[in-house]
Amino acid sequence: MYLSGILAFMLNAAVTTELLHEQSLPDTREDDFVLVRAASGGDQKAFEQLYRKHSKRLMSVLWRLCGGQQARAEDCLQEAFVKAWQALPGFRYESAFSSWLHRLAVNIALMELRSRKGAEDLEQDDAVLAFEKTGDTASRQTRMQMDLERAVASLPPRARAVLVLFDIEGWTHEAIAEHCDMAVGSSKAQLHRARALLREKLGAYRD
């Protein structure tokens, strides 16, 4: 299996587990639309339902884009939902609310990354490990997943952003180039660089 396939499978495993606990919440596009219409009219409880339904998935993406820095990811998440609340009256119901919210949150994280311009200090702390709640006995797959999370978090910011958006989130290079303010060729080069660095880092973790 190619690295990109392994990456997407392992990094999404924890998210899938979390989503299984949310099956009591509405899970269709139409259900979201009902909540969006209510929230647009000022119904805070409807907006709270949207938050509970989508915040975990968004947090997992933001956490990776922010290099495993929990505080920064939480700030981006909070800003995303504040902006979503403000923008709800303009929501056009042409696409899924989850896609609209997802793109909004990712754009906030990318803007935050661009504002740092390589000055990121990679203040990776226990959050890199604590994000994945593994229990008392970690299986080999869980340890590999934790190694992969650490490796992704340690990548240079732009390479990490391209890797997360392309291999995990399924964005095209054209979309990444537009939102990350880079050429399509640069997006492809950053992806190649990120994958090569991942192979090196994962090899080092296993040694």
Protein backbone atom coordinates (compact mmCIF):
# COMPACT_ATOMS: atom_id res chain seq x y z
CA MET A 1 0.00 0.00 0.00
CA TYR A 2 1.30 3.49 -0.87
CA LEU A 3 2.34 5.85 1.94
CA SER A 4 -0.58 8.19 1.20
CA GLY A 5 -3.07 5.35 1.64
CA ILE A 6 -1.49 4.22 4.91
CA LEU A 7 -1.37 7.81 6.12
CA ALA A 8 -5.04 8.49 5.42
CA PHE A 9 -6.14 5.21 7.00
CA MET A 10 -4.13 5.52 10.20
CA LEU A 11 -4.70 9.21 10.82
CA ASN A 12 -8.43 8.89 10.27
CA ALA A 13 -8.76 5.85 12.53
CA ALA A 14 -9.06 7.89 15.72
CA VAL A 15 -11.55 10.26 14.08
CA THR A 16 -13.73 7.36 12.96
CA THR A 17 -13.76 5.99 16.51
CA GLU A 18 -14.87 9.33 17.89
CA LEU A 19 -17.62 9.73 15.31
CA LEU A 20 -19.14 6.39 16.31
CA HIS A 21 -20.06 8.02 19.62
CA GLU A 22 -22.02 10.76 17.84
CA GLN A 23 -24.56 8.60 16.01
CA SER A 24 -27.42 10.00 18.09
CA LEU A 25 -26.89 13.40 16.45
CA PRO A 26 -28.34 14.28 13.02
CA ASP A 27 -26.09 12.89 10.33
CA THR A 28 -27.64 13.99 7.06
CA ARG A 29 -27.27 17.11 4.95
CA GLU A 30 -30.98 17.88 5.36
CA ASP A 31 -30.76 17.62 9.15
CA ASP A 32 -27.90 20.09 9.11
CA PHE A 33 -29.95 22.46 6.96
CA VAL A 34 -32.77 22.39 9.51
CA LEU A 35 -30.32 23.30 12.26
CA VAL A 36 -28.68 25.99 10.13
CA ARG A 37 -32.03 27.65 9.40
CA ALA A 38 -32.89 27.64 13.09
CA ALA A 39 -29.47 28.94 14.11
CA SER A 40 -29.64 31.65 11.44
CA GLY A 41 -32.77 32.87 13.19
CA GLY A 42 -30.92 33.16 16.48
CA ASP A 43 -31.57 29.70 17.93
CA GLN A 44 -28.45 29.12 20.04
CA LYS A 45 -29.43 25.55 20.93
CA ALA A 46 -29.52 24.65 17.24
CA PHE A 47 -26.04 26.12 16.82
CA GLU A 48 -24.83 24.16 19.85
CA GLN A 49 -26.04 20.98 18.12
CA LEU A 50 -24.05 21.90 15.04
CA TYR A 51 -21.01 22.49 17.24
CA ARG A 52 -21.33 19.14 19.01
CA LYS A 53 -21.76 17.36 15.72
CA HIS A 54 -18.85 18.87 13.81
CA SER A 55 -16.29 20.14 16.33
CA LYS A 56 -14.40 16.87 16.89
CA ARG A 57 -13.82 16.27 13.20
CA LEU A 58 -12.71 19.86 12.69
CA MET A 59 -10.43 19.72 15.71
CA SER A 60 -8.59 16.69 14.37
CA VAL A 61 -7.80 18.53 11.12
CA LEU A 62 -6.85 21.80 12.82
CA TRP A 63 -4.67 19.98 15.34
CA ARG A 64 -2.64 18.44 12.53
CA LEU A 65 -2.42 21.65 10.53
CA CYS A 66 -1.15 23.40 13.67
CA GLY A 67 1.57 20.81 14.21
CA GLY A 68 0.04 19.15 17.25
CA GLN A 69 -0.16 22.42 19.18
CA GLN A 70 -3.39 22.07 21.10
CA ALA A 71 -3.82 25.70 22.16
CA ARG A 72 -3.41 27.02 18.62
CA ALA A 73 -5.81 24.42 17.22
CA GLU A 74 -8.40 25.30 19.87
CA ASP A 75 -8.05 29.00 19.04
CA CYS A 76 -8.62 28.24 15.35
CA LEU A 77 -11.63 26.08 16.19
CA GLN A 78 -13.18 28.79 18.33
CA GLU A 79 -12.60 31.42 15.65
CA ALA A 80 -14.10 29.12 13.02
CA PHE A 81 -17.35 28.70 14.93
CA VAL A 82 -17.56 32.40 15.75
CA LYS A 83 -17.20 33.24 12.06
CA ALA A 84 -19.65 30.49 11.14
CA TRP A 85 -22.25 31.95 13.51
CA GLN A 86 -21.75 35.38 11.97
CA ALA A 87 -21.90 34.06 8.41
CA LEU A 88 -24.87 31.70 8.79
CA PRO A 89 -27.44 34.16 7.37
CA GLY A 90 -25.47 34.13 4.12
CA PHE A 91 -25.28 30.33 3.84
CA ARG A 92 -26.73 29.36 0.44
CA TYR A 93 -27.62 25.70 1.00
CA GLU A 94 -25.88 24.79 -2.25
CA SER A 95 -23.38 22.49 -0.57
CA ALA A 96 -23.26 20.49 2.63
CA PHE A 97 -22.91 22.60 5.76
CA SER A 98 -20.06 20.34 6.88
CA SER A 99 -18.10 21.14 3.70
CA TRP A 100 -18.72 24.88 4.12
CA LEU A 101 -17.69 24.83 7.78
CA HIS A 102 -14.69 22.62 7.06
CA ARG A 103 -13.35 24.97 4.39
CA LEU A 104 -13.89 27.97 6.65
CA ALA A 105 -11.94 26.34 9.50
CA VAL A 106 -9.09 25.18 7.27
CA ASN A 107 -8.76 28.67 5.80
CA ILE A 108 -8.42 30.12 9.30
CA ALA A 109 -5.66 27.62 10.13
CA LEU A 110 -3.86 28.35 6.85
CA MET A 111 -4.04 32.09 7.49
CA GLU A 112 -2.55 31.48 10.93
CA LEU A 113 0.25 29.42 9.39
CA ARG A 114 0.97 32.09 6.75
CA SER A 115 1.14 34.77 9.44
CA ARG A 116 4.01 32.89 11.07
CA LYS A 117 6.02 32.68 7.83
CA GLY A 118 8.37 29.96 9.01
CA ALA A 119 8.72 31.38 12.51
CA GLU A 120 6.82 28.44 13.96
CA ASP A 121 8.65 27.25 17.03
CA LEU A 122 7.21 23.74 16.94
CA GLU A 123 6.35 23.92 20.62
CA GLN A 124 5.33 20.30 20.63
CA ASP A 125 4.41 19.25 24.12
CA ASP A 126 2.47 16.43 25.71
CA ALA A 127 -0.50 17.35 23.53
CA VAL A 128 1.13 15.50 20.63
CA LEU A 129 0.78 12.32 22.63
CA ALA A 130 -2.26 13.16 24.73
CA PHE A 131 -4.47 13.90 21.72
CA GLU A 132 -4.76 10.19 21.04
CA LYS A 133 -6.30 8.52 24.09
CA THR A 134 -4.84 5.05 23.90
CA GLY A 135 -5.77 3.43 27.22
CA ASP A 136 -3.46 1.42 29.42
CA THR A 137 -2.29 -1.05 26.80
CA ALA A 138 -1.22 0.32 23.45
CA SER A 139 -1.31 -2.08 20.52
CA ARG A 140 1.38 -2.06 17.86
CA GLN A 141 -0.98 -0.26 15.50
CA THR A 142 -1.67 2.40 18.13
CA ARG A 143 2.05 2.95 18.69
CA MET A 144 2.58 3.24 14.95
CA GLN A 145 -0.27 5.74 14.75
CA MET A 146 1.29 7.80 17.55
CA ASP A 147 4.65 7.73 15.76
CA LEU A 148 2.92 8.91 12.59
CA GLU A 149 1.15 11.72 14.45
CA ARG A 150 4.48 12.90 15.90
CA ALA A 151 6.13 12.70 12.49
CA VAL A 152 3.38 14.74 10.81
CA ALA A 153 3.45 17.31 13.61
CA SER A 154 7.21 17.79 13.19
CA LEU A 155 7.06 18.52 9.45
CA PRO A 156 7.79 22.06 8.19
CA PRO A 157 4.52 24.06 8.22
CA ARG A 158 3.90 24.33 4.47
CA ALA A 159 4.87 20.72 3.79
CA ARG A 160 2.63 19.60 6.64
CA ALA A 161 -0.31 21.66 5.38
CA VAL A 162 -0.05 20.19 1.87
CA LEU A 163 0.28 16.65 3.21
CA VAL A 164 -2.76 16.98 5.50
CA LEU A 165 -4.93 18.64 2.86
CA PHE A 166 -3.96 16.33 -0.02
CA ASP A 167 -3.44 12.91 1.58
CA ILE A 168 -5.95 13.14 4.42
CA GLU A 169 -8.58 15.69 3.41
CA GLY A 170 -8.62 14.89 -0.31
CA TRP A 171 -8.02 18.40 -1.65
CA THR A 172 -6.64 18.86 -5.16
CA HIS A 173 -3.33 20.57 -5.76
CA GLU A 174 -5.22 23.39 -7.47
CA ALA A 175 -7.32 24.02 -4.34
CA ILE A 176 -4.27 23.79 -2.09
CA ALA A 177 -2.36 26.24 -4.28
CA GLU A 178 -5.23 28.72 -4.13
CA HIS A 179 -5.71 28.57 -0.37
CA CYS A 180 -2.03 28.30 0.58
CA ASP A 181 -0.91 31.07 -1.79
CA MET A 182 1.51 28.89 -3.76
CA ALA A 183 1.86 27.56 -7.29
CA VAL A 184 0.43 24.16 -8.20
CA GLY A 185 3.96 22.94 -8.86
CA SER A 186 5.00 24.09 -5.40
CA SER A 187 2.13 22.16 -3.85
CA LYS A 188 3.28 19.00 -5.61
CA ALA A 189 6.87 19.61 -4.56
CA GLN A 190 5.86 20.19 -0.95
CA LEU A 191 3.86 16.95 -0.96
CA HIS A 192 6.86 15.04 -2.30
CA ARG A 193 9.04 16.65 0.35
CA ALA A 194 6.57 15.87 3.15
CA ARG A 195 6.29 12.21 2.17
CA ALA A 196 10.08 11.84 1.94
CA LEU A 197 10.54 13.43 5.37
CA LEU A 198 7.83 11.18 6.81
CA ARG A 199 9.63 8.07 5.59
CA GLU A 200 12.85 9.28 7.22
CA LYS A 201 11.17 10.20 10.50
CA LEU A 202 9.19 6.98 10.74
CA GLY A 203 12.35 5.01 10.08
CA ALA A 204 14.09 6.88 12.89
CA TYR A 205 11.22 6.18 15.31
CA ARG A 206 11.47 2.45 14.59
CA ASP A 207 15.23 2.29 15.06
